[in-house]
Amino acid sequence: MPALADSNVILRSLQRAHPMHVEACRAIRILRRRGELFIAPQNIVELWVAATRPVAQNGLGVRPQAANVYLKAHDARLVASMLVHGLDTVLTFNVDDINRYTAITTLHPGSVK
C-alpha cells in the first residue's frame, strides 16, 4: 500500500536517541524497499523548520537557529499533495491529527509488516 511519509516519521528516523527512532527507521526501510514510500515538497519545508528550531522549542537545534516560526498548515498541505498525486495513505505517528481528513487513511509505523 503506497504511503506518503508524514514529516514526524522522517524526523524520528533522524533522531537516534528518540524512543520512536527504531520503529520509524524500520517502517521507512520496509516501505522504501517495496517502492511504496513517498515524500512531498511540504516534507522538506517541515524538516527544515523542525531541524533549525531550537531544542527548547521542540526542534533539533540545527543551525540556522533563526527559524522560530512553525507553519500551522503542514497536515493540510500534505493531504492536499496526497490527493493531487492519488495517494490515500500517510505513514504517521500522528494518527489522531490526520484522521480528521476523511479521504486519507493513516498507517502507523508500528503496524508496517
PDB file of N, CA and C in Angstrom:
ATOM      1  N   MET A   1       0.844  -1.169   0.000  1.00  0.00           N
ATOM      2  CA  MET A   1       0.000   0.000   0.000  1.00  0.00           C
ATOM      3  C   MET A   1       0.893   1.236   0.000  1.00  0.00           C
ATOM      4  N   PRO A   2       0.900   2.058  -1.069  1.00  0.00           N
ATOM      5  CA  PRO A   2       1.713   3.274  -1.119  1.00  0.00           C
ATOM      6  C   PRO A   2       1.312   4.238  -0.013  1.00  0.00           C
ATOM      7  N   ALA A   3       2.294   4.914   0.566  1.00  0.00           N
ATOM      8  CA  ALA A   3       2.021   5.857   1.655  1.00  0.00           C
ATOM      9  C   ALA A   3       2.936   7.063   1.550  1.00  0.00           C
ATOM     10  N   LEU A   4       2.385   8.220   1.842  1.00  0.00           N
ATOM     11  CA  LEU A   4       3.177   9.437   1.980  1.00  0.00           C
ATOM     12  C   LEU A   4       3.716   9.469   3.400  1.00  0.00           C
ATOM     13  N   ALA A   5       4.993   9.740   3.569  1.00  0.00           N
ATOM     14  CA  ALA A   5       5.583   9.817   4.912  1.00  0.00           C
ATOM     15  C   ALA A   5       5.252  11.164   5.538  1.00  0.00           C
ATOM     16  N   ASP A   6       4.668  11.139   6.716  1.00  0.00           N
ATOM     17  CA  ASP A   6       4.483  12.363   7.481  1.00  0.00           C
ATOM     18  C   ASP A   6       5.860  12.771   7.986  1.00  0.00           C
ATOM     19  N   SER A   7       6.085  14.058   8.093  1.00  0.00           N
ATOM     20  CA  SER A   7       7.402  14.555   8.498  1.00  0.00           C
ATOM     21  C   SER A   7       7.803  14.083   9.884  1.00  0.00           C
ATOM     22  N   ASN A   8       6.842  13.804  10.758  1.00  0.00           N
ATOM     23  CA  ASN A   8       7.208  13.343  12.103  1.00  0.00           C
ATOM     24  C   ASN A   8       7.919  11.997  12.039  1.00  0.00           C
ATOM     25  N   VAL A   9       7.551  11.158  11.078  1.00  0.00           N
ATOM     26  CA  VAL A   9       8.216   9.865  10.940  1.00  0.00           C
ATOM     27  C   VAL A   9       9.644  10.069  10.421  1.00  0.00           C
ATOM     28  N   ILE A  10       9.800  10.945   9.451  1.00  0.00           N
ATOM     29  CA  ILE A  10      11.138  11.232   8.918  1.00  0.00           C
ATOM     30  C   ILE A  10      12.022  11.832  10.009  1.00  0.00           C
ATOM     31  N   LEU A  11      11.473  12.776  10.771  1.00  0.00           N
ATOM     32  CA  LEU A  11      12.241  13.386  11.868  1.00  0.00           C
ATOM     33  C   LEU A  11      12.674  12.348  12.891  1.00  0.00           C
ATOM     34  N   ARG A  12      11.774  11.454  13.269  1.00  0.00           N
ATOM     35  CA  ARG A  12      12.126  10.434  14.262  1.00  0.00           C
ATOM     36  C   ARG A  12      13.234   9.523  13.730  1.00  0.00           C
ATOM     37  N   SER A  13      13.255   9.296  12.419  1.00  0.00           N
ATOM     38  CA  SER A  13      14.309   8.460  11.842  1.00  0.00           C
ATOM     39  C   SER A  13      15.669   9.138  11.908  1.00  0.00           C
ATOM     40  N   LEU A  14      15.681  10.454  12.063  1.00  0.00           N
ATOM     41  CA  LEU A  14      16.936  11.200  12.159  1.00  0.00           C
ATOM     42  C   LEU A  14      17.418  11.361  13.597  1.00  0.00           C
ATOM     43  N   GLN A  15      16.534  11.137  14.568  1.00  0.00           N
ATOM     44  CA  GLN A  15      16.847  11.334  15.977  1.00  0.00           C
ATOM     45  C   GLN A  15      17.154   9.990  16.631  1.00  0.00           C
ATOM     46  N   ARG A  16      18.418   9.617  16.635  1.00  0.00           N
ATOM     47  CA  ARG A  16      18.825   8.299  17.135  1.00  0.00           C
ATOM     48  C   ARG A  16      18.408   8.045  18.582  1.00  0.00           C
ATOM     49  N   ALA A  17      18.343   9.068  19.391  1.00  0.00           N
ATOM     50  CA  ALA A  17      18.000   8.889  20.808  1.00  0.00           C
ATOM     51  C   ALA A  17      16.494   8.885  21.056  1.00  0.00           C
ATOM     52  N   HIS A  18      15.700   9.177  20.049  1.00  0.00           N
ATOM     53  CA  HIS A  18      14.248   9.252  20.239  1.00  0.00           C
ATOM     54  C   HIS A  18      13.671   7.852  20.403  1.00  0.00           C
ATOM     55  N   PRO A  19      12.693   7.667  21.314  1.00  0.00           N
ATOM     56  CA  PRO A  19      12.111   6.343  21.525  1.00  0.00           C
ATOM     57  C   PRO A  19      11.423   5.759  20.283  1.00  0.00           C
ATOM     58  N   MET A  20      11.031   6.602  19.332  1.00  0.00           N
ATOM     59  CA  MET A  20      10.363   6.111  18.124  1.00  0.00           C
ATOM     60  C   MET A  20      11.335   5.917  16.958  1.00  0.00           C
ATOM     61  N   HIS A  21      12.624   6.125  17.178  1.00  0.00           N
ATOM     62  CA  HIS A  21      13.630   6.057  16.106  1.00  0.00           C
ATOM     63  C   HIS A  21      13.639   4.698  15.400  1.00  0.00           C
ATOM     64  N   VAL A  22      13.754   3.638  16.147  1.00  0.00           N
ATOM     65  CA  VAL A  22      13.857   2.296  15.550  1.00  0.00           C
ATOM     66  C   VAL A  22      12.604   1.979  14.743  1.00  0.00           C
ATOM     67  N   GLU A  23      11.448   2.277  15.306  1.00  0.00           N
ATOM     68  CA  GLU A  23      10.183   1.992  14.635  1.00  0.00           C
ATOM     69  C   GLU A  23      10.053   2.794  13.335  1.00  0.00           C
ATOM     70  N   ALA A  24      10.447   4.073  13.381  1.00  0.00           N
ATOM     71  CA  ALA A  24      10.387   4.920  12.192  1.00  0.00           C
ATOM     72  C   ALA A  24      11.323   4.400  11.109  1.00  0.00           C
ATOM     73  N   CYS A  25      12.550   4.072  11.491  1.00  0.00           N
ATOM     74  CA  CYS A  25      13.531   3.560  10.518  1.00  0.00           C
ATOM     75  C   CYS A  25      13.070   2.255   9.886  1.00  0.00           C
ATOM     76  N   ARG A  26      12.521   1.372  10.695  1.00  0.00           N
ATOM     77  CA  ARG A  26      12.056   0.080  10.188  1.00  0.00           C
ATOM     78  C   ARG A  26      10.942   0.269   9.167  1.00  0.00           C
ATOM     79  N   ALA A  27       9.956   1.102   9.490  1.00  0.00           N
ATOM     80  CA  ALA A  27       8.828   1.319   8.585  1.00  0.00           C
ATOM     81  C   ALA A  27       9.296   1.980   7.285  1.00  0.00           C
ATOM     82  N   ILE A  28      10.167   2.961   7.404  1.00  0.00           N
ATOM     83  CA  ILE A  28      10.691   3.629   6.207  1.00  0.00           C
ATOM     84  C   ILE A  28      11.454   2.636   5.346  1.00  0.00           C
ATOM     85  N   ARG A  29      12.309   1.836   5.964  1.00  0.00           N
ATOM     86  CA  ARG A  29      13.110   0.850   5.229  1.00  0.00           C
ATOM     87  C   ARG A  29      12.207  -0.140   4.474  1.00  0.00           C
ATOM     88  N   ILE A  30      11.197  -0.660   5.146  1.00  0.00           N
ATOM     89  CA  ILE A  30      10.296  -1.638   4.522  1.00  0.00           C
ATOM     90  C   ILE A  30       9.544  -1.016   3.350  1.00  0.00           C
ATOM     91  N   LEU A  31       8.960   0.150   3.564  1.00  0.00           N
ATOM     92  CA  LEU A  31       8.168   0.780   2.501  1.00  0.00           C
ATOM     93  C   LEU A  31       9.045   1.240   1.339  1.00  0.00           C
ATOM     94  N   ARG A  32      10.253   1.727   1.626  1.00  0.00           N
ATOM     95  CA  ARG A  32      11.178   2.108   0.539  1.00  0.00           C
ATOM     96  C   ARG A  32      11.564   0.893  -0.283  1.00  0.00           C
ATOM     97  N   ARG A  33      11.855  -0.206   0.386  1.00  0.00           N
ATOM     98  CA  ARG A  33      12.235  -1.439  -0.311  1.00  0.00           C
ATOM     99  C   ARG A  33      11.128  -1.882  -1.266  1.00  0.00           C
ATOM    100  N   ARG A  34       9.891  -1.696  -0.861  1.00  0.00           N
ATOM    101  CA  ARG A  34       8.748  -2.066  -1.699  1.00  0.00           C
ATOM    102  C   ARG A  34       8.437  -1.017  -2.768  1.00  0.00           C
ATOM    103  N   GLY A  35       9.078   0.159  -2.681  1.00  0.00           N
ATOM    104  CA  GLY A  35       8.760   1.247  -3.602  1.00  0.00           C
ATOM    105  C   GLY A  35       7.433   1.894  -3.284  1.00  0.00           C
ATOM    106  N   GLU A  36       7.040   1.854  -2.018  1.00  0.00           N
ATOM    107  CA  GLU A  36       5.720   2.340  -1.610  1.00  0.00           C
ATOM    108  C   GLU A  36       5.789   3.557  -0.699  1.00  0.00           C
ATOM    109  N   LEU A  37       6.937   4.206  -0.576  1.00  0.00           N
ATOM    110  CA  LEU A  37       7.071   5.366   0.301  1.00  0.00           C
ATOM    111  C   LEU A  37       7.277   6.617  -0.533  1.00  0.00           C
ATOM    112  N   PHE A  38       6.515   7.632  -0.241  1.00  0.00           N
ATOM    113  CA  PHE A  38       6.594   8.889  -0.970  1.00  0.00           C
ATOM    114  C   PHE A  38       6.806  10.045  -0.002  1.00  0.00           C
ATOM    115  N   ILE A  39       7.450  11.098  -0.485  1.00  0.00           N
ATOM    116  CA  ILE A  39       7.544  12.347   0.258  1.00  0.00           C
ATOM    117  C   ILE A  39       7.072  13.462  -0.665  1.00  0.00           C
ATOM    118  N   ALA A  40       6.719  14.589  -0.062  1.00  0.00           N
ATOM    119  CA  ALA A  40       6.234  15.746  -0.809  1.00  0.00           C
ATOM    120  C   ALA A  40       7.130  16.947  -0.498  1.00  0.00           C
ATOM    121  N   PRO A  41       7.096  17.956  -1.339  1.00  0.00           N
ATOM    122  CA  PRO A  41       7.871  19.159  -1.033  1.00  0.00           C
ATOM    123  C   PRO A  41       7.575  19.704   0.367  1.00  0.00           C
ATOM    124  N   GLN A  42       6.342  19.552   0.819  1.00  0.00           N
ATOM    125  CA  GLN A  42       5.975  20.016   2.157  1.00  0.00           C
ATOM    126  C   GLN A  42       6.826  19.336   3.226  1.00  0.00           C
ATOM    127  N   ASN A  43       7.185  18.075   3.020  1.00  0.00           N
ATOM    128  CA  ASN A  43       8.048  17.381   3.974  1.00  0.00           C
ATOM    129  C   ASN A  43       9.382  18.111   4.140  1.00  0.00           C
ATOM    130  N   ILE A  44       9.927  18.607   3.042  1.00  0.00           N
ATOM    131  CA  ILE A  44      11.212  19.299   3.083  1.00  0.00           C
ATOM    132  C   ILE A  44      11.085  20.582   3.907  1.00  0.00           C
ATOM    133  N   VAL A  45       9.998  21.314   3.701  1.00  0.00           N
ATOM    134  CA  VAL A  45       9.759  22.537   4.471  1.00  0.00           C
ATOM    135  C   VAL A  45       9.661  22.202   5.958  1.00  0.00           C
ATOM    136  N   GLU A  46       8.869  21.203   6.283  1.00  0.00           N
ATOM    137  CA  GLU A  46       8.692  20.832   7.692  1.00  0.00           C
ATOM    138  C   GLU A  46       9.997  20.351   8.311  1.00  0.00           C
ATOM    139  N   LEU A  47      10.768  19.561   7.591  1.00  0.00           N
ATOM    140  CA  LEU A  47      12.049  19.090   8.112  1.00  0.00           C
ATOM    141  C   LEU A  47      12.994  20.251   8.390  1.00  0.00           C
ATOM    142  N   TRP A  48      13.045  21.221   7.474  1.00  0.00           N
ATOM    143  CA  TRP A  48      13.919  22.371   7.668  1.00  0.00           C
ATOM    144  C   TRP A  48      13.483  23.167   8.903  1.00  0.00           C
ATOM    145  N   VAL A  49      12.191  23.417   9.008  1.00  0.00           N
ATOM    146  CA  VAL A  49      11.683  24.187  10.144  1.00  0.00           C
ATOM    147  C   VAL A  49      11.971  23.471  11.464  1.00  0.00           C
ATOM    148  N   ALA A  50      11.664  22.190  11.525  1.00  0.00           N
ATOM    149  CA  ALA A  50      11.885  21.432  12.762  1.00  0.00           C
ATOM    150  C   ALA A  50      13.366  21.280  13.072  1.00  0.00           C
ATOM    151  N   ALA A  51      14.167  21.059  12.061  1.00  0.00           N
ATOM    152  CA  ALA A  51      15.601  20.865  12.288  1.00  0.00           C
ATOM    153  C   ALA A  51      16.276  22.132  12.783  1.00  0.00           C
ATOM    154  N   THR A  52      15.840  23.274  12.309  1.00  0.00           N
ATOM    155  CA  THR A  52      16.501  24.526  12.673  1.00  0.00           C
ATOM    156  C   THR A  52      15.865  25.221  13.875  1.00  0.00           C
ATOM    157  N   ARG A  53      14.747  24.705  14.357  1.00  0.00           N
ATOM    158  CA  ARG A  53      14.107  25.275  15.547  1.00  0.00           C
ATOM    159  C   ARG A  53      14.923  24.856  16.770  1.00  0.00           C
ATOM    160  N   PRO A  54      15.077  25.744  17.757  1.00  0.00           N
ATOM    161  CA  PRO A  54      15.836  25.401  18.967  1.00  0.00           C
ATOM    162  C   PRO A  54      15.254  24.190  19.698  1.00  0.00           C
ATOM    163  N   VAL A  55      16.107  23.440  20.346  1.00  0.00           N
ATOM    164  CA  VAL A  55      15.696  22.251  21.093  1.00  0.00           C
ATOM    165  C   VAL A  55      14.652  22.616  22.146  1.00  0.00           C
ATOM    166  N   ALA A  56      14.814  23.756  22.796  1.00  0.00           N
ATOM    167  CA  ALA A  56      13.870  24.194  23.830  1.00  0.00           C
ATOM    168  C   ALA A  56      12.468  24.424  23.270  1.00  0.00           C
ATOM    169  N   GLN A  57      12.366  24.554  21.960  1.00  0.00           N
ATOM    170  CA  GLN A  57      11.066  24.761  21.310  1.00  0.00           C
ATOM    171  C   GLN A  57      10.687  23.539  20.479  1.00  0.00           C
ATOM    172  N   ASN A  58      11.108  22.374  20.940  1.00  0.00           N
ATOM    173  CA  ASN A  58      10.773  21.098  20.310  1.00  0.00           C
ATOM    174  C   ASN A  58      11.379  20.934  18.917  1.00  0.00           C
ATOM    175  N   GLY A  59      12.544  21.540  18.715  1.00  0.00           N
ATOM    176  CA  GLY A  59      13.244  21.379  17.447  1.00  0.00           C
ATOM    177  C   GLY A  59      14.492  20.545  17.640  1.00  0.00           C
ATOM    178  N   LEU A  60      15.281  20.454  16.595  1.00  0.00           N
ATOM    179  CA  LEU A  60      16.532  19.710  16.670  1.00  0.00           C
ATOM    180  C   LEU A  60      17.723  20.604  16.981  1.00  0.00           C
ATOM    181  N   GLY A  61      17.539  21.922  16.901  1.00  0.00           N
ATOM    182  CA  GLY A  61      18.596  22.861  17.244  1.00  0.00           C
ATOM    183  C   GLY A  61      19.738  22.930  16.244  1.00  0.00           C
ATOM    184  N   VAL A  62      19.476  22.560  15.004  1.00  0.00           N
ATOM    185  CA  VAL A  62      20.493  22.617  13.959  1.00  0.00           C
ATOM    186  C   VAL A  62      20.537  24.041  13.416  1.00  0.00           C
ATOM    187  N   ARG A  63      21.729  24.541  13.105  1.00  0.00           N
ATOM    188  CA  ARG A  63      21.846  25.900  12.550  1.00  0.00           C
ATOM    189  C   ARG A  63      21.201  25.962  11.182  1.00  0.00           C
ATOM    190  N   PRO A  64      20.641  27.075  10.752  1.00  0.00           N
ATOM    191  CA  PRO A  64      20.490  28.317  11.481  1.00  0.00           C
ATOM    192  C   PRO A  64      19.344  28.246  12.487  1.00  0.00           C
ATOM    193  N   GLN A  65      19.570  28.865  13.641  1.00  0.00           N
ATOM    194  CA  GLN A  65      18.579  28.803  14.715  1.00  0.00           C
ATOM    195  C   GLN A  65      17.546  29.925  14.633  1.00  0.00           C
ATOM    196  N   ALA A  66      17.495  30.623  13.537  1.00  0.00           N
ATOM    197  CA  ALA A  66      16.558  31.735  13.394  1.00  0.00           C
ATOM    198  C   ALA A  66      15.137  31.295  13.065  1.00  0.00           C
ATOM    199  N   ALA A  67      14.944  30.024  12.760  1.00  0.00           N
ATOM    200  CA  ALA A  67      13.611  29.545  12.364  1.00  0.00           C
ATOM    201  C   ALA A  67      12.782  29.248  13.596  1.00  0.00           C
ATOM    202  N   ASN A  68      12.060  30.236  14.098  1.00  0.00           N
ATOM    203  CA  ASN A  68      11.233  30.082  15.296  1.00  0.00           C
ATOM    204  C   ASN A  68       9.755  30.001  14.979  1.00  0.00           C
ATOM    205  N   VAL A  69       9.418  30.187  13.711  1.00  0.00           N
ATOM    206  CA  VAL A  69       8.009  30.189  13.330  1.00  0.00           C
ATOM    207  C   VAL A  69       7.646  28.822  12.797  1.00  0.00           C
ATOM    208  N   TYR A  70       6.666  28.199  13.390  1.00  0.00           N
ATOM    209  CA  TYR A  70       6.211  26.881  12.950  1.00  0.00           C
ATOM    210  C   TYR A  70       5.009  27.068  12.038  1.00  0.00           C
ATOM    211  N   LEU A  71       5.055  26.485  10.852  1.00  0.00           N
ATOM    212  CA  LEU A  71       3.952  26.609   9.909  1.00  0.00           C
ATOM    213  C   LEU A  71       2.788  25.747  10.381  1.00  0.00           C
ATOM    214  N   LYS A  72       1.604  26.332  10.542  1.00  0.00           N
ATOM    215  CA  LYS A  72       0.453  25.643  11.126  1.00  0.00           C
ATOM    216  C   LYS A  72      -0.306  24.758  10.147  1.00  0.00           C
ATOM    217  N   ALA A  73      -0.107  24.929   8.872  1.00  0.00           N
ATOM    218  CA  ALA A  73      -0.923  24.206   7.905  1.00  0.00           C
ATOM    219  C   ALA A  73      -0.203  22.998   7.305  1.00  0.00           C
ATOM    220  N   HIS A  74       0.756  22.424   8.011  1.00  0.00           N
ATOM    221  CA  HIS A  74       1.533  21.306   7.473  1.00  0.00           C
ATOM    222  C   HIS A  74       0.661  20.138   7.040  1.00  0.00           C
ATOM    223  N   ASP A  75      -0.193  19.658   7.919  1.00  0.00           N
ATOM    224  CA  ASP A  75      -1.008  18.486   7.613  1.00  0.00           C
ATOM    225  C   ASP A  75      -1.908  18.732   6.414  1.00  0.00           C
ATOM    226  N   ALA A  76      -2.512  19.915   6.358  1.00  0.00           N
ATOM    227  CA  ALA A  76      -3.408  20.233   5.238  1.00  0.00           C
ATOM    228  C   ALA A  76      -2.643  20.232   3.918  1.00  0.00           C
ATOM    229  N   ARG A  77      -1.424  20.752   3.936  1.00  0.00           N
ATOM    230  CA  ARG A  77      -0.620  20.759   2.711  1.00  0.00           C
ATOM    231  C   ARG A  77      -0.246  19.341   2.297  1.00  0.00           C
ATOM    232  N   LEU A  78       0.113  18.511   3.270  1.00  0.00           N
ATOM    233  CA  LEU A  78       0.449  17.126   2.950  1.00  0.00           C
ATOM    234  C   LEU A  78      -0.752  16.394   2.351  1.00  0.00           C
ATOM    235  N   VAL A  79      -1.907  16.581   2.964  1.00  0.00           N
ATOM    236  CA  VAL A  79      -3.116  15.919   2.466  1.00  0.00           C
ATOM    237  C   VAL A  79      -3.443  16.426   1.065  1.00  0.00           C
ATOM    238  N   ALA A  80      -3.334  17.721   0.846  1.00  0.00           N
ATOM    239  CA  ALA A  80      -3.603  18.273  -0.494  1.00  0.00           C
ATOM    240  C   ALA A  80      -2.648  17.665  -1.522  1.00  0.00           C
ATOM    241  N   SER A  81      -1.376  17.562  -1.174  1.00  0.00           N
ATOM    242  CA  SER A  81      -0.392  16.959  -2.074  1.00  0.00           C
ATOM    243  C   SER A  81      -0.730  15.498  -2.352  1.00  0.00           C
ATOM    244  N   MET A  82      -1.160  14.792  -1.318  1.00  0.00           N
ATOM    245  CA  MET A  82      -1.535  13.390  -1.480  1.00  0.00           C
ATOM    246  C   MET A  82      -2.698  13.246  -2.458  1.00  0.00           C
ATOM    247  N   LEU A  83      -3.710  14.083  -2.282  1.00  0.00           N
ATOM    248  CA  LEU A  83      -4.893  13.987  -3.136  1.00  0.00           C
ATOM    249  C   LEU A  83      -4.552  14.298  -4.587  1.00  0.00           C
ATOM    250  N   VAL A  84      -3.684  15.294  -4.803  1.00  0.00           N
ATOM    251  CA  VAL A  84      -3.266  15.643  -6.156  1.00  0.00           C
ATOM    252  C   VAL A  84      -2.555  14.474  -6.824  1.00  0.00           C
ATOM    253  N   HIS A  85      -1.770  13.724  -6.046  1.00  0.00           N
ATOM    254  CA  HIS A  85      -0.970  12.631  -6.601  1.00  0.00           C
ATOM    255  C   HIS A  85      -1.626  11.254  -6.450  1.00  0.00           C
ATOM    256  N   GLY A  86      -2.879  11.242  -6.026  1.00  0.00           N
ATOM    257  CA  GLY A  86      -3.623   9.985  -5.960  1.00  0.00           C
ATOM    258  C   GLY A  86      -3.209   9.060  -4.827  1.00  0.00           C
ATOM    259  N   LEU A  87      -2.627   9.605  -3.772  1.00  0.00           N
ATOM    260  CA  LEU A  87      -2.259   8.798  -2.607  1.00  0.00           C
ATOM    261  C   LEU A  87      -3.352   8.900  -1.563  1.00  0.00           C
ATOM    262  N   ASP A  88      -3.671   7.794  -0.917  1.00  0.00           N
ATOM    263  CA  ASP A  88      -4.717   7.839   0.100  1.00  0.00           C
ATOM    264  C   ASP A  88      -4.240   7.375   1.467  1.00  0.00           C
ATOM    265  N   THR A  89      -2.946   7.100   1.618  1.00  0.00           N
ATOM    266  CA  THR A  89      -2.414   6.598   2.880  1.00  0.00           C
ATOM    267  C   THR A  89      -1.188   7.410   3.281  1.00  0.00           C
ATOM    268  N   VAL A  90      -1.124   7.778   4.560  1.00  0.00           N
ATOM    269  CA  VAL A  90       0.033   8.504   5.084  1.00  0.00           C
ATOM    270  C   VAL A  90       0.645   7.696   6.222  1.00  0.00           C
ATOM    271  N   LEU A  91       1.961   7.536   6.201  1.00  0.00           N
ATOM    272  CA  LEU A  91       2.707   6.882   7.271  1.00  0.00           C
ATOM    273  C   LEU A  91       2.975   7.941   8.326  1.00  0.00           C
ATOM    274  N   THR A  92       2.391   7.789   9.522  1.00  0.00           N
ATOM    275  CA  THR A  92       2.488   8.852  10.531  1.00  0.00           C
ATOM    276  C   THR A  92       2.394   8.303  11.944  1.00  0.00           C
ATOM    277  N   PHE A  93       3.054   8.998  12.865  1.00  0.00           N
ATOM    278  CA  PHE A  93       2.861   8.740  14.285  1.00  0.00           C
ATOM    279  C   PHE A  93       1.657   9.541  14.795  1.00  0.00           C
ATOM    280  N   ASN A  94       1.269  10.589  14.073  1.00  0.00           N
ATOM    281  CA  ASN A  94       0.179  11.478  14.492  1.00  0.00           C
ATOM    282  C   ASN A  94      -1.154  11.046  13.879  1.00  0.00           C
ATOM    283  N   VAL A  95      -1.555   9.844  14.178  1.00  0.00           N
ATOM    284  CA  VAL A  95      -2.777   9.281  13.613  1.00  0.00           C
ATOM    285  C   VAL A  95      -3.987  10.172  13.925  1.00  0.00           C
ATOM    286  N   ASP A  96      -4.101  10.635  15.153  1.00  0.00           N
ATOM    287  CA  ASP A  96      -5.262  11.443  15.530  1.00  0.00           C
ATOM    288  C   ASP A  96      -5.330  12.761  14.775  1.00  0.00           C
ATOM    289  N   ASP A  97      -4.167  13.362  14.454  1.00  0.00           N
ATOM    290  CA  ASP A  97      -4.155  14.631  13.721  1.00  0.00           C
ATOM    291  C   ASP A  97      -4.650  14.456  12.292  1.00  0.00           C
ATOM    292  N   ILE A  98      -4.296  13.359  11.676  1.00  0.00           N
ATOM    293  CA  ILE A  98      -4.632  13.133  10.269  1.00  0.00           C
ATOM    294  C   ILE A  98      -6.036  12.568  10.097  1.00  0.00           C
ATOM    295  N   ASN A  99      -6.558  11.884  11.091  1.00  0.00           N
ATOM    296  CA  ASN A  99      -7.874  11.246  10.971  1.00  0.00           C
ATOM    297  C   ASN A  99      -8.999  12.223  10.669  1.00  0.00           C
ATOM    298  N   ARG A 100      -8.785  13.507  10.888  1.00  0.00           N
ATOM    299  CA  ARG A 100      -9.847  14.475  10.570  1.00  0.00           C
ATOM    300  C   ARG A 100     -10.052  14.617   9.063  1.00  0.00           C
ATOM    301  N   TYR A 101      -9.079  14.141   8.277  1.00  0.00           N
ATOM    302  CA  TYR A 101      -9.192  14.172   6.818  1.00  0.00           C
ATOM    303  C   TYR A 101      -9.742  12.816   6.372  1.00  0.00           C
ATOM    304  N   THR A 102     -11.024  12.779   6.084  1.00  0.00           N
ATOM    305  CA  THR A 102     -11.704  11.501   5.845  1.00  0.00           C
ATOM    306  C   THR A 102     -11.268  10.806   4.563  1.00  0.00           C
ATOM    307  N   ALA A 103     -10.659  11.522   3.638  1.00  0.00           N
ATOM    308  CA  ALA A 103     -10.209  10.907   2.391  1.00  0.00           C
ATOM    309  C   ALA A 103      -8.865  10.194   2.556  1.00  0.00           C
ATOM    310  N   ILE A 104      -8.262  10.329   3.724  1.00  0.00           N
ATOM    311  CA  ILE A 104      -6.911   9.806   3.961  1.00  0.00           C
ATOM    312  C   ILE A 104      -6.956   8.693   5.014  1.00  0.00           C
ATOM    313  N   THR A 105      -6.206   7.646   4.745  1.00  0.00           N
ATOM    314  CA  THR A 105      -6.040   6.539   5.696  1.00  0.00           C
ATOM    315  C   THR A 105      -4.680   6.707   6.366  1.00  0.00           C
ATOM    316  N   THR A 106      -4.628   6.477   7.669  1.00  0.00           N
ATOM    317  CA  THR A 106      -3.360   6.574   8.371  1.00  0.00           C
ATOM    318  C   THR A 106      -2.735   5.184   8.521  1.00  0.00           C
ATOM    319  N   LEU A 107      -1.408   5.164   8.497  1.00  0.00           N
ATOM    320  CA  LEU A 107      -0.649   3.944   8.680  1.00  0.00           C
ATOM    321  C   LEU A 107       0.416   4.234   9.728  1.00  0.00           C
ATOM    322  N   HIS A 108       0.264   3.659  10.913  1.00  0.00           N
ATOM    323  CA  HIS A 108       1.228   3.861  11.998  1.00  0.00           C
ATOM    324  C   HIS A 108       2.471   3.017  11.708  1.00  0.00           C
ATOM    325  N   PRO A 109       3.675   3.570  11.894  1.00  0.00           N
ATOM    326  CA  PRO A 109       4.885   2.799  11.624  1.00  0.00           C
ATOM    327  C   PRO A 109       4.939   1.448  12.335  1.00  0.00           C
ATOM    328  N   GLY A 110       4.351   1.367  13.513  1.00  0.00           N
ATOM    329  CA  GLY A 110       4.339   0.100  14.249  1.00  0.00           C
ATOM    330  C   GLY A 110       3.518  -0.991  13.600  1.00  0.00           C
ATOM    331  N   SER A 111       2.638  -0.622  12.673  1.00  0.00           N
ATOM    332  CA  SER A 111       1.799  -1.628  12.038  1.00  0.00           C
ATOM    333  C   SER A 111       2.328  -2.080  10.688  1.00  0.00           C
ATOM    334  N   VAL A 112       3.462  -1.531  10.247  1.00  0.00           N
ATOM    335  CA  VAL A 112       4.043  -1.937   8.957  1.00  0.00           C
ATOM    336  C   VAL A 112       4.707  -3.291   9.124  1.00  0.00           C
ATOM    337  N   LYS A 113       4.318  -4.245   8.337  1.00  0.00           N
ATOM    338  CA  LYS A 113       4.867  -5.619   8.413  1.00  0.00           C
ATOM    339  C   LYS A 113       5.544  -5.966   7.113  1.00  0.00           C
TER     340      LYS A 113
END
